[in-house]
C-alpha cells in the first residue's frame, strides 16, 4: 500500500454528524466549521424534542460517539488540530483520520508546526517530514537543522531532486527520492519517542496546484504504518 492509497482509504470512510433538536443557526455553524472535512452533517429532531440539543457521530452507519451541541460548537472553533487528545471533546477526538479537503499552504504549515513543536518539546524519538522538492526543503532548512540538533531527536527529511542538496548539518538526514509519491505528498510524522499517546502524523497529497487533501491522526497503528512504509521504501540517504 502506498501513501496515496492510505489517503484514499480514509477518504472512502465518510463520517456522518447528525444534529438533533438544534436550531438552524447551530446546524449552520457546524457546517461552516467542518466545511473542509469529509463529514456529512444533517439535522433531525426526536419525536419528543428531548433530551435537548445533541449530536451523534457515525461511521459507515455505526455509532461512534455523542455529545451536546454546545460542547462541539464552543470547542470546534479552537481546534486546529493541536495533536493533544486530552484537549478534544468527545466528537472532535474521533475526527482524526477524517479527510480534509483543499487545505492551502498556510493551513498545512500550521498543522505541520503542531507536530514539529511536539517533537521539539519531547526532544527525543524520530521525526519524518516530506517536503516534495529540495527547493522547498531549502526554505525550511533553518527550522529543521534546529530540530535535528535538539536533544536525542532524530530528524529525516524527504524530497525529490529539483535542485542541488542544500548544505546542512550532519544531524539532519536528507533522503533524496525520485518517487512520485514523495514529490506529491506532504507529511510530518512523529513516533512519539516510542510512547503511543505522543504519536501523531499529518499526511496529504497535492491534487491541485498547492491545494492539499489528506488527514491527521494520533492513532499509533497508523503512525507506525506510515513510518514503516517510509523506512522500508526510502533507505538511500544523501550524505551531508
Protein backbone atom coordinates (compact mmCIF):
# COMPACT_ATOMS: atom_id res chain seq x y z
CA UNK A 1 0.00 0.00 0.00
CA UNK A 2 1.24 3.48 -0.88
CA UNK A 3 0.76 6.79 0.93
CA UNK A 4 -1.81 7.76 -1.69
CA UNK A 5 -3.74 4.54 -1.12
CA UNK A 6 -3.77 5.19 2.61
CA UNK A 7 -5.26 8.63 1.97
CA UNK A 8 -7.85 7.13 -0.38
CA UNK A 9 -8.79 4.57 2.27
CA UNK A 10 -9.51 7.34 4.75
CA UNK A 11 -11.45 9.24 2.09
CA UNK A 12 -13.69 6.25 1.44
CA UNK A 13 -14.92 6.23 5.04
CA UNK A 14 -17.07 9.33 5.33
CA UNK A 15 -18.39 10.07 8.79
CA UNK A 16 -21.88 11.45 9.45
CA UNK A 17 -22.68 14.03 12.13
CA UNK A 18 -26.40 14.09 12.92
CA UNK A 19 -27.55 17.18 14.82
CA UNK A 20 -30.68 16.59 16.89
CA UNK A 21 -33.17 19.20 18.13
CA UNK A 22 -30.95 22.19 17.26
CA UNK A 23 -31.95 25.41 15.54
CA UNK A 24 -30.78 26.28 12.06
CA UNK A 25 -28.06 28.61 13.34
CA UNK A 26 -26.35 25.83 15.29
CA UNK A 27 -26.53 23.46 12.33
CA UNK A 28 -25.11 26.12 10.01
CA UNK A 29 -22.30 26.84 12.50
CA UNK A 30 -21.27 23.19 12.43
CA UNK A 31 -21.46 23.07 8.63
CA UNK A 32 -19.22 26.13 8.44
CA UNK A 33 -16.76 24.66 10.94
CA UNK A 34 -16.41 21.36 9.10
CA UNK A 35 -16.88 22.56 5.52
CA UNK A 36 -13.43 21.31 4.55
CA UNK A 37 -13.81 17.84 6.09
CA UNK A 38 -15.15 14.63 4.60
CA UNK A 39 -18.05 14.84 7.04
CA UNK A 40 -21.74 14.79 6.18
CA UNK A 41 -23.85 16.93 8.51
CA UNK A 42 -27.61 16.52 8.73
CA UNK A 43 -30.33 17.83 11.03
CA UNK A 44 -33.04 15.74 12.71
CA UNK A 45 -35.47 16.01 15.61
CA UNK A 46 -36.52 13.43 18.14
CA UNK A 47 -40.34 12.96 18.44
CA UNK A 48 -40.40 14.48 21.94
CA UNK A 49 -37.73 17.12 21.35
CA UNK A 50 -35.75 15.60 24.19
CA UNK A 51 -33.06 15.32 25.56
CA UNK A 52 -32.30 18.74 24.12
CA UNK A 53 -29.67 19.62 21.52
CA UNK A 54 -27.11 16.90 20.87
CA UNK A 55 -25.06 15.41 18.07
CA UNK A 56 -24.27 11.83 17.11
CA UNK A 57 -21.18 10.86 15.13
CA UNK A 58 -21.40 7.71 12.99
CA UNK A 59 -19.04 5.98 10.58
CA UNK A 60 -20.39 3.63 7.94
CA UNK A 61 -23.77 3.82 9.73
CA UNK A 62 -22.25 2.61 13.01
CA UNK A 63 -22.44 4.73 16.15
CA UNK A 64 -19.12 6.27 17.23
CA UNK A 65 -19.94 8.80 19.96
CA UNK A 66 -22.32 11.56 21.00
CA UNK A 67 -22.08 14.94 22.75
CA UNK A 68 -24.01 18.13 23.39
CA UNK A 69 -24.22 20.68 20.59
CA UNK A 70 -22.84 23.48 22.77
CA UNK A 71 -19.74 21.43 23.55
CA UNK A 72 -18.97 20.95 19.88
CA UNK A 73 -19.76 24.46 18.68
CA UNK A 74 -17.81 26.10 21.51
CA UNK A 75 -14.80 23.82 21.20
CA UNK A 76 -14.62 23.43 17.45
CA UNK A 77 -13.51 26.99 16.75
CA UNK A 78 -10.44 26.48 18.94
CA UNK A 79 -9.42 23.16 17.38
CA UNK A 80 -6.92 23.35 14.53
CA UNK A 81 -5.57 20.36 15.28
CA UNK A 82 -3.26 20.54 18.30
CA UNK A 83 -2.45 16.81 18.37
CA UNK A 84 -3.30 16.57 22.04
CA UNK A 85 -6.05 14.03 22.60
CA UNK A 86 -6.80 15.34 26.09
CA UNK A 87 -7.94 18.72 24.74
CA UNK A 88 -10.54 17.27 22.37
CA UNK A 89 -14.25 16.93 23.08
CA UNK A 90 -15.94 13.50 22.62
CA UNK A 91 -16.79 14.25 18.97
CA UNK A 92 -13.60 16.00 17.96
CA UNK A 93 -11.31 13.32 19.33
CA UNK A 94 -12.91 10.92 16.84
CA UNK A 95 -12.33 13.21 13.87
CA UNK A 96 -8.72 12.30 13.39
CA UNK A 97 -8.40 10.21 10.26
CA UNK A 98 -11.26 12.19 8.73
CA UNK A 99 -10.36 13.55 5.30
CA UNK A 100 -9.75 17.27 4.95
CA UNK A 101 -10.05 18.93 1.55
CA UNK A 102 -8.41 21.90 -0.17
CA UNK A 103 -6.01 22.90 2.61
CA UNK A 104 -3.80 25.72 1.41
CA UNK A 105 -0.15 26.26 2.26
CA UNK A 106 -0.94 28.27 5.38
CA UNK A 107 -3.18 25.57 6.82
CA UNK A 108 -0.66 22.85 6.03
CA UNK A 109 2.19 24.79 7.63
CA UNK A 110 0.11 25.43 10.77
CA UNK A 111 -0.74 21.73 11.13
CA UNK A 112 2.89 20.76 10.47
CA UNK A 113 4.14 23.14 13.15
CA UNK A 114 1.94 21.41 15.73
CA UNK A 115 3.76 18.12 15.17
CA UNK A 116 7.19 19.73 14.93
CA UNK A 117 6.52 21.54 18.20
CA UNK A 118 5.56 18.29 19.94
CA UNK A 119 8.78 16.64 18.71
CA UNK A 120 10.77 19.67 19.90
CA UNK A 121 9.18 19.68 23.36
CA UNK A 122 9.76 15.96 23.90
CA UNK A 123 13.25 16.19 22.40
CA UNK A 124 13.68 12.53 21.51
CA UNK A 125 12.35 9.96 19.09
CA UNK A 126 12.19 10.28 15.32
CA UNK A 127 10.55 12.88 13.08
CA UNK A 128 9.93 12.19 9.37
CA UNK A 129 8.95 15.10 7.11
CA UNK A 130 8.22 15.17 3.39
CA UNK A 131 8.88 18.43 1.53
CA UNK A 132 8.03 17.30 -2.01
CA UNK A 133 11.07 19.07 -3.53
CA UNK A 134 14.57 20.01 -2.38
CA UNK A 135 13.91 23.66 -3.18
CA UNK A 136 11.06 23.66 -0.63
CA UNK A 137 13.25 21.93 1.96
CA UNK A 138 15.88 24.63 1.45
CA UNK A 139 13.34 27.25 2.56
CA UNK A 140 12.74 25.35 5.82
CA UNK A 141 16.32 24.27 6.41
CA UNK A 142 16.99 26.53 9.42
CA UNK A 143 13.97 25.12 11.27
CA UNK A 144 14.88 21.54 10.52
CA UNK A 145 18.53 21.91 11.41
CA UNK A 146 17.42 23.27 14.80
CA UNK A 147 15.07 20.31 15.25
CA UNK A 148 17.85 17.89 14.32
CA UNK A 149 20.15 19.44 16.95
CA UNK A 150 17.54 19.09 19.71
CA UNK A 151 18.33 16.53 22.39
CA UNK A 152 18.06 12.97 21.09
CA UNK A 153 15.65 13.81 18.28
CA UNK A 154 16.43 12.02 15.00
CA UNK A 155 15.14 14.03 12.02
CA UNK A 156 14.64 12.74 8.46
CA UNK A 157 13.65 14.95 5.51
CA UNK A 158 12.41 13.57 2.18
CA UNK A 159 12.37 15.42 -1.14
CA UNK A 160 12.64 14.92 -4.89
CA UNK A 161 15.65 16.48 -6.64
CA UNK A 162 14.71 19.71 -8.42
CA UNK A 163 17.95 21.40 -7.32
CA UNK A 164 21.19 20.59 -5.50
CA UNK A 165 21.03 19.16 -2.00
CA UNK A 166 21.30 22.17 0.33
CA UNK A 167 24.27 22.41 2.65
CA UNK A 168 23.14 21.13 6.03
CA UNK A 169 24.38 19.97 9.38
CA UNK A 170 25.31 16.36 9.91
CA UNK A 171 22.44 15.86 12.39
CA UNK A 172 19.81 16.20 9.66
CA UNK A 173 19.29 13.18 7.40
CA UNK A 174 18.07 14.05 3.89
CA UNK A 175 16.54 11.37 1.67
CA UNK A 176 16.65 12.38 -2.00
CA UNK A 177 13.98 10.37 -3.80
CA UNK A 178 12.59 10.44 -7.34
CA UNK A 179 9.43 8.57 -6.31
CA UNK A 180 6.15 10.13 -7.45
CA UNK A 181 4.58 9.85 -4.00
CA UNK A 182 7.43 11.84 -2.44
CA UNK A 183 7.01 14.62 -4.99
CA UNK A 184 3.24 14.64 -4.49
CA UNK A 185 2.98 14.16 -0.71
CA UNK A 186 3.31 16.48 2.27
CA UNK A 187 3.80 14.62 5.52
CA UNK A 188 5.08 15.19 9.04
CA UNK A 189 5.20 12.05 11.18
CA UNK A 190 6.44 11.78 14.76
CA UNK A 191 6.97 8.45 16.51
CA UNK A 192 6.37 9.92 19.97
CA UNK A 193 9.71 8.61 21.23
CA UNK A 194 8.10 5.18 21.36
CA UNK A 195 5.16 6.29 23.54
CA UNK A 196 1.82 5.69 21.82
CA UNK A 197 0.00 8.71 23.24
CA UNK A 198 2.68 11.03 21.82
CA UNK A 199 2.49 9.66 18.27
CA UNK A 200 0.94 11.86 15.59
CA UNK A 201 1.05 12.42 11.86
CA UNK A 202 -0.13 14.68 9.08
CA UNK A 203 -0.38 13.16 5.62
CA UNK A 204 -1.70 14.86 2.49
CA UNK A 205 -1.24 14.90 -1.26
CA UNK A 206 -1.28 17.78 -3.71
CA UNK A 207 -4.21 17.12 -6.05
CA UNK A 208 -4.48 20.66 -7.35
CA UNK A 209 -1.83 23.36 -7.54
CA UNK A 210 -0.75 23.98 -3.91
CA UNK A 211 -4.02 22.57 -2.62
CA UNK A 212 -3.77 19.53 -0.35
CA UNK A 213 -6.09 16.67 0.54
CA UNK A 214 -5.38 14.36 3.43
CA UNK A 215 -5.80 13.74 7.15
CA UNK A 216 -4.11 13.99 10.53
CA UNK A 217 -4.01 11.24 13.08
CA UNK A 218 -2.80 10.33 16.53
CA UNK A 219 -3.67 6.67 16.10
CA UNK A 220 -0.43 4.82 16.95
CA UNK A 221 -1.04 1.98 14.48
CA UNK A 222 -1.50 4.41 11.59
CA UNK A 223 1.57 6.41 12.61
CA UNK A 224 3.62 3.21 12.87
CA UNK A 225 2.45 2.08 9.41
CA UNK A 226 3.50 5.38 7.80
CA UNK A 227 6.92 5.24 9.44
CA UNK A 228 7.41 1.58 8.45
CA UNK A 229 6.49 2.46 4.87
CA UNK A 230 8.94 5.35 4.73
CA UNK A 231 11.80 3.42 6.31
CA UNK A 232 11.31 0.34 4.13
CA UNK A 233 10.77 2.26 0.88
CA UNK A 234 13.35 5.04 1.13
CA UNK A 235 16.56 3.80 2.63
CA UNK A 236 19.05 5.67 0.48
CA UNK A 237 20.49 8.75 2.13
CA UNK A 238 22.24 11.80 0.72
CA UNK A 239 25.26 12.49 2.93
CA UNK A 240 25.87 15.91 4.43
